[in-house]
């Protein structure tokens, strides 16, 4: 996957924070490449997972880390524009602590090693960052170290699934010479050429 404790979540967290700040209020009901979410739903999911993986790093286990990914996501907080950047910074800071990478923790109701949880968090930020950018027409260049880690994680997950699936859905075949982001997006079950449908 990646060399544990050399993976700084900060650069990718800042990129996601910039994307969050760029979401127009009028786009919250628009579709995203993630079929389960509107833009507002995706923001709510990001808000939840950011706190969950922050607490996973802190080994502060409880309601935030015990909720399964397929559970109903709470509504988007009314102060999301101000709270999400703060929580993204807290997420990055939490994973800068060496203790976060040791022992076991929990996220999404699943117990897993600290280092694995960190890579899952990075993967969520990279893939959902692409979702958010594509749905709202924003430029997206993920942090290269985060992208490398996410791609390796998704590739390994797809290789372990003998049904050709992946973490988020069936893998979309992408040429091996395509840009790395496109290949990661395909491994996540998304079409890199996805565009918002007319009318949102």
Protein backbone atom coordinates (compact mmCIF):
# COMPACT_ATOMS: atom_id res chain seq x y z
CA UNK A 1 0.00 0.00 0.00
CA UNK A 2 2.27 2.74 1.32
CA UNK A 3 5.06 3.23 3.79
CA UNK A 4 3.19 3.63 7.06
CA UNK A 5 3.69 6.85 8.97
CA UNK A 6 5.05 8.62 5.88
CA UNK A 7 1.56 9.30 4.60
CA UNK A 8 0.46 12.82 5.51
CA UNK A 9 -3.28 13.26 5.07
CA UNK A 10 -2.96 17.03 5.27
CA UNK A 11 -2.43 17.91 1.60
CA UNK A 12 -5.41 15.84 0.42
CA UNK A 13 -7.57 17.07 3.30
CA UNK A 14 -6.84 20.66 2.26
CA UNK A 15 -7.80 19.86 -1.33
CA UNK A 16 -11.12 18.42 -0.17
CA UNK A 17 -11.68 21.48 2.03
CA UNK A 18 -11.18 23.71 -1.03
CA UNK A 19 -13.72 21.65 -2.97
CA UNK A 20 -16.21 21.90 -0.12
CA UNK A 21 -15.81 25.68 -0.07
CA UNK A 22 -16.49 25.80 -3.82
CA UNK A 23 -19.85 24.01 -3.72
CA UNK A 24 -22.68 26.39 -4.68
CA UNK A 25 -25.80 26.18 -2.55
CA UNK A 26 -27.83 25.67 -5.72
CA UNK A 27 -25.99 22.39 -6.47
CA UNK A 28 -26.81 20.50 -3.27
CA UNK A 29 -29.59 18.48 -4.92
CA UNK A 30 -27.54 17.63 -8.03
CA UNK A 31 -26.48 14.11 -8.88
CA UNK A 32 -22.92 12.84 -8.30
CA UNK A 33 -20.91 9.94 -9.78
CA UNK A 34 -21.74 8.06 -6.58
CA UNK A 35 -25.30 6.91 -7.33
CA UNK A 36 -26.32 6.79 -3.67
CA UNK A 37 -25.66 10.47 -3.10
CA UNK A 38 -26.69 13.90 -4.22
CA UNK A 39 -24.08 16.62 -3.71
CA UNK A 40 -25.63 17.38 -0.33
CA UNK A 41 -25.69 13.70 0.59
CA UNK A 42 -22.07 13.31 -0.44
CA UNK A 43 -21.09 16.28 1.71
CA UNK A 44 -22.96 14.74 4.65
CA UNK A 45 -21.13 11.44 4.05
CA UNK A 46 -17.79 13.25 3.91
CA UNK A 47 -18.62 15.13 7.10
CA UNK A 48 -19.42 11.86 8.86
CA UNK A 49 -16.40 9.90 7.64
CA UNK A 50 -14.01 12.74 8.41
CA UNK A 51 -15.05 12.69 12.06
CA UNK A 52 -15.12 8.88 12.14
CA UNK A 53 -11.57 8.48 10.85
CA UNK A 54 -10.34 11.32 13.06
CA UNK A 55 -11.70 9.46 16.06
CA UNK A 56 -10.31 6.17 14.73
CA UNK A 57 -6.85 7.73 14.72
CA UNK A 58 -7.35 8.95 18.28
CA UNK A 59 -8.65 5.50 19.31
CA UNK A 60 -11.71 7.38 20.56
CA UNK A 61 -14.09 4.55 19.77
CA UNK A 62 -17.82 4.99 20.06
CA UNK A 63 -20.84 6.09 18.00
CA UNK A 64 -18.76 7.90 15.36
CA UNK A 65 -16.58 4.87 14.65
CA UNK A 66 -19.26 2.20 15.06
CA UNK A 67 -21.65 3.34 12.32
CA UNK A 68 -21.54 1.10 9.24
CA UNK A 69 -20.93 2.81 5.86
CA UNK A 70 -24.31 1.68 4.52
CA UNK A 71 -26.19 3.13 7.47
CA UNK A 72 -28.39 6.16 6.94
CA UNK A 73 -26.16 9.23 6.93
CA UNK A 74 -27.40 12.09 9.12
CA UNK A 75 -28.57 15.25 7.34
CA UNK A 76 -25.95 17.73 6.22
CA UNK A 77 -25.13 19.97 9.19
CA UNK A 78 -26.33 23.53 8.73
CA UNK A 79 -22.83 24.88 9.48
CA UNK A 80 -21.07 22.48 7.11
CA UNK A 81 -19.06 25.21 5.39
CA UNK A 82 -17.35 26.13 8.64
CA UNK A 83 -17.25 22.77 10.43
CA UNK A 84 -15.97 20.54 7.62
CA UNK A 85 -12.65 22.37 7.06
CA UNK A 86 -12.01 22.24 10.82
CA UNK A 87 -12.75 18.53 10.98
CA UNK A 88 -10.56 17.86 7.93
CA UNK A 89 -7.66 19.62 9.66
CA UNK A 90 -8.33 17.60 12.81
CA UNK A 91 -8.34 14.41 10.74
CA UNK A 92 -4.92 15.19 9.29
CA UNK A 93 -3.51 16.19 12.68
CA UNK A 94 -4.81 13.01 14.32
CA UNK A 95 -3.00 10.81 11.81
CA UNK A 96 0.27 12.68 12.36
CA UNK A 97 0.46 11.11 15.82
CA UNK A 98 2.62 7.94 15.77
CA UNK A 99 0.21 6.19 18.14
CA UNK A 100 -2.53 6.41 15.49
CA UNK A 101 -0.62 3.95 13.32
CA UNK A 102 -0.09 1.33 16.03
CA UNK A 103 -2.42 -1.34 17.31
CA UNK A 104 -6.02 -1.77 16.31
CA UNK A 105 -8.80 0.74 15.85
CA UNK A 106 -12.30 0.83 14.40
CA UNK A 107 -14.04 2.65 11.55
CA UNK A 108 -17.39 1.98 9.97
CA UNK A 109 -18.04 -0.63 12.63
CA UNK A 110 -15.04 -2.69 11.45
CA UNK A 111 -11.96 -3.40 13.56
CA UNK A 112 -8.75 -2.95 11.59
CA UNK A 113 -5.07 -2.05 12.08
CA UNK A 114 -4.35 1.64 12.50
CA UNK A 115 -2.20 1.83 9.37
CA UNK A 116 -4.93 0.25 7.26
CA UNK A 117 -7.50 2.68 8.62
CA UNK A 118 -5.28 5.58 7.56
CA UNK A 119 -5.09 4.32 3.98
CA UNK A 120 -8.85 3.75 3.89
CA UNK A 121 -9.31 7.36 5.02
CA UNK A 122 -7.01 8.58 2.26
CA UNK A 123 -8.87 6.51 -0.30
CA UNK A 124 -12.18 8.01 0.83
CA UNK A 125 -10.78 11.54 0.50
CA UNK A 126 -9.32 10.89 -2.96
CA UNK A 127 -12.35 9.14 -4.47
CA UNK A 128 -15.03 11.31 -2.90
CA UNK A 129 -12.96 14.39 -3.73
CA UNK A 130 -13.24 13.34 -7.37
CA UNK A 131 -16.98 12.73 -6.94
CA UNK A 132 -17.49 16.19 -5.50
CA UNK A 133 -15.32 17.96 -8.05
CA UNK A 134 -16.91 16.21 -11.01
CA UNK A 135 -20.46 16.83 -9.76
CA UNK A 136 -19.87 20.54 -9.15
CA UNK A 137 -17.61 21.35 -12.11
CA UNK A 138 -14.48 22.06 -10.08
CA UNK A 139 -10.90 21.38 -11.08
CA UNK A 140 -9.42 18.41 -9.24
CA UNK A 141 -5.78 17.48 -8.90
CA UNK A 142 -5.39 15.17 -5.89
CA UNK A 143 -2.26 15.05 -3.80
CA UNK A 144 0.05 12.64 -5.62
CA UNK A 145 1.11 10.72 -2.53
CA UNK A 146 -2.52 10.28 -1.50
CA UNK A 147 -3.45 9.22 -5.03
CA UNK A 148 -0.65 6.65 -5.13
CA UNK A 149 -1.83 5.20 -1.82
CA UNK A 150 -5.48 5.14 -2.90
CA UNK A 151 -4.68 3.49 -6.22
CA UNK A 152 -2.59 0.79 -4.55
CA UNK A 153 -5.34 0.16 -2.01
CA UNK A 154 -8.06 -0.08 -4.66
CA UNK A 155 -5.90 -2.30 -6.87
CA UNK A 156 -5.26 -4.69 -4.01
CA UNK A 157 -8.94 -4.74 -3.06
CA UNK A 158 -9.99 -5.50 -6.64
CA UNK A 159 -7.39 -8.28 -6.92
CA UNK A 160 -8.75 -9.92 -3.78
CA UNK A 161 -12.33 -9.90 -5.12
CA UNK A 162 -12.71 -12.83 -7.50
CA UNK A 163 -16.01 -11.38 -8.78
CA UNK A 164 -14.25 -8.41 -10.36
CA UNK A 165 -15.62 -6.01 -7.83
CA UNK A 166 -14.05 -3.29 -5.77
CA UNK A 167 -14.58 -1.30 -2.62
CA UNK A 168 -17.33 0.93 -4.02
CA UNK A 169 -18.74 -1.17 -6.89
CA UNK A 170 -17.85 -3.24 -9.97
CA UNK A 171 -14.53 -2.18 -11.47
CA UNK A 172 -14.77 -0.12 -14.67
CA UNK A 173 -11.97 -1.29 -17.03
CA UNK A 174 -9.54 1.52 -17.81
CA UNK A 175 -6.52 1.30 -20.17
CA UNK A 176 -3.24 0.71 -18.35
CA UNK A 177 -1.73 3.81 -19.97
CA UNK A 178 -4.54 6.10 -18.75
CA UNK A 179 -3.78 8.75 -16.11
CA UNK A 180 -3.43 7.33 -12.61
CA UNK A 181 -6.48 9.21 -11.36
CA UNK A 182 -8.63 7.68 -14.11
CA UNK A 183 -7.36 4.22 -13.20
CA UNK A 184 -8.12 4.78 -9.51
CA UNK A 185 -11.59 6.08 -10.37
CA UNK A 186 -12.22 3.00 -12.52
CA UNK A 187 -11.09 0.70 -9.72
CA UNK A 188 -13.58 2.44 -7.44
CA UNK A 189 -16.42 1.49 -9.79
CA UNK A 190 -16.79 4.86 -11.49
CA UNK A 191 -16.53 5.97 -15.09
CA UNK A 192 -13.80 8.64 -15.39
CA UNK A 193 -15.84 10.20 -18.21
CA UNK A 194 -18.90 10.75 -16.01
CA UNK A 195 -20.51 14.16 -16.41
CA UNK A 196 -23.51 15.60 -14.55
CA UNK A 197 -26.81 14.82 -16.27
CA UNK A 198 -28.59 17.77 -17.80
CA UNK A 199 -30.81 19.41 -15.27
CA UNK A 200 -28.71 18.10 -12.37
